[in-house]
Amino acid sequence: MMNKLKGLVVEEQGQGMTEYALILGVLAIGVVAVLITLGDTIVAKFQEVVANLNGTASGS
């Protein structure tokens, strides 16, 4: 069992894929954090744009 674990650490095949997966995970967490933080503001801006395209006042 220990030899298999050592082989996983020493073996470099697949290392690049793991690094890309970690980067993708960090980016996904960042995007979710931004959407949670700015979600209401983004929705309000889209509603304002839609209202302006329809020719109505947005009320803000």
C-alpha atoms as a PDB file:
ATOM      1  CA  MET A   1       0.000   0.000   0.000  1.00  0.00           C
ATOM      2  CA  MET A   2       2.788   2.444   0.879  1.00  0.00           C
ATOM      3  CA  ASN A   3       4.526   1.690  -2.427  1.00  0.00           C
ATOM      4  CA  LYS A   4       1.380   2.676  -4.321  1.00  0.00           C
ATOM      5  CA  LEU A   5       1.123   5.945  -2.390  1.00  0.00           C
ATOM      6  CA  LYS A   6       4.798   6.700  -2.991  1.00  0.00           C
ATOM      7  CA  GLY A   7       4.302   5.931  -6.668  1.00  0.00           C
ATOM      8  CA  LEU A   8       1.487   8.495  -6.835  1.00  0.00           C
ATOM      9  CA  VAL A   9       3.697  11.176  -5.311  1.00  0.00           C
ATOM     10  CA  VAL A  10       6.780  10.406  -7.397  1.00  0.00           C
ATOM     11  CA  GLU A  11       4.954   9.752 -10.659  1.00  0.00           C
ATOM     12  CA  GLU A  12       4.567  12.963 -12.673  1.00  0.00           C
ATOM     13  CA  GLN A  13       2.158  11.648 -15.268  1.00  0.00           C
ATOM     14  CA  GLY A  14      -1.143  13.461 -14.812  1.00  0.00           C
ATOM     15  CA  GLN A  15       0.422  16.223 -12.755  1.00  0.00           C
ATOM     16  CA  GLY A  16      -0.454  18.867 -15.346  1.00  0.00           C
ATOM     17  CA  MET A  17      -4.087  17.756 -15.412  1.00  0.00           C
ATOM     18  CA  THR A  18      -4.247  18.006 -11.629  1.00  0.00           C
ATOM     19  CA  GLU A  19      -2.826  21.525 -11.726  1.00  0.00           C
ATOM     20  CA  TYR A  20      -5.375  22.578 -14.341  1.00  0.00           C
ATOM     21  CA  ALA A  21      -8.162  21.062 -12.245  1.00  0.00           C
ATOM     22  CA  LEU A  22      -7.000  22.992  -9.171  1.00  0.00           C
ATOM     23  CA  ILE A  23      -6.837  26.247 -11.135  1.00  0.00           C
ATOM     24  CA  LEU A  24     -10.309  25.614 -12.548  1.00  0.00           C
ATOM     25  CA  GLY A  25     -11.613  24.920  -9.053  1.00  0.00           C
ATOM     26  CA  VAL A  26     -10.164  28.148  -7.672  1.00  0.00           C
ATOM     27  CA  LEU A  27     -11.632  30.118 -10.581  1.00  0.00           C
ATOM     28  CA  ALA A  28     -15.042  28.510 -10.061  1.00  0.00           C
ATOM     29  CA  ILE A  29     -14.996  29.424  -6.369  1.00  0.00           C
ATOM     30  CA  GLY A  30     -14.042  32.996  -7.297  1.00  0.00           C
ATOM     31  CA  VAL A  31     -16.852  33.299  -9.836  1.00  0.00           C
ATOM     32  CA  VAL A  32     -19.394  31.977  -7.341  1.00  0.00           C
ATOM     33  CA  ALA A  33     -18.144  34.428  -4.704  1.00  0.00           C
ATOM     34  CA  VAL A  34     -18.438  37.365  -7.114  1.00  0.00           C
ATOM     35  CA  LEU A  35     -21.928  36.318  -8.200  1.00  0.00           C
ATOM     36  CA  ILE A  36     -23.071  35.979  -4.596  1.00  0.00           C
ATOM     37  CA  THR A  37     -21.579  39.356  -3.692  1.00  0.00           C
ATOM     38  CA  LEU A  38     -22.718  41.308  -6.752  1.00  0.00           C
ATOM     39  CA  GLY A  39     -25.738  39.233  -7.803  1.00  0.00           C
ATOM     40  CA  ASP A  40     -28.413  41.783  -6.897  1.00  0.00           C
ATOM     41  CA  THR A  41     -26.478  44.602  -8.573  1.00  0.00           C
ATOM     42  CA  ILE A  42     -26.052  42.575 -11.758  1.00  0.00           C
ATOM     43  CA  VAL A  43     -29.773  41.717 -11.842  1.00  0.00           C
ATOM     44  CA  ALA A  44     -30.687  45.379 -11.334  1.00  0.00           C
ATOM     45  CA  LYS A  45     -28.400  46.466 -14.198  1.00  0.00           C
ATOM     46  CA  PHE A  46     -29.883  43.873 -16.558  1.00  0.00           C
ATOM     47  CA  GLN A  47     -33.396  44.982 -15.604  1.00  0.00           C
ATOM     48  CA  GLU A  48     -32.385  48.591 -16.253  1.00  0.00           C
ATOM     49  CA  VAL A  49     -31.027  47.685 -19.683  1.00  0.00           C
ATOM     50  CA  VAL A  50     -34.165  45.738 -20.574  1.00  0.00           C
ATOM     51  CA  ALA A  51     -36.342  48.634 -19.398  1.00  0.00           C
ATOM     52  CA  ASN A  52     -34.341  51.085 -21.505  1.00  0.00           C
ATOM     53  CA  LEU A  53     -34.577  48.831 -24.556  1.00  0.00           C
ATOM     54  CA  ASN A  54     -38.351  48.607 -24.069  1.00  0.00           C
ATOM     55  CA  GLY A  55     -38.546  52.406 -23.768  1.00  0.00           C
ATOM     56  CA  THR A  56     -39.817  52.466 -20.192  1.00  0.00           C
ATOM     57  CA  ALA A  57     -38.334  54.166 -17.152  1.00  0.00           C
ATOM     58  CA  SER A  58     -36.461  51.876 -14.774  1.00  0.00           C
ATOM     59  CA  GLY A  59     -37.505  53.743 -11.626  1.00  0.00           C
ATOM     60  CA  SER A  60     -33.989  54.142 -10.198  1.00  0.00           C
END
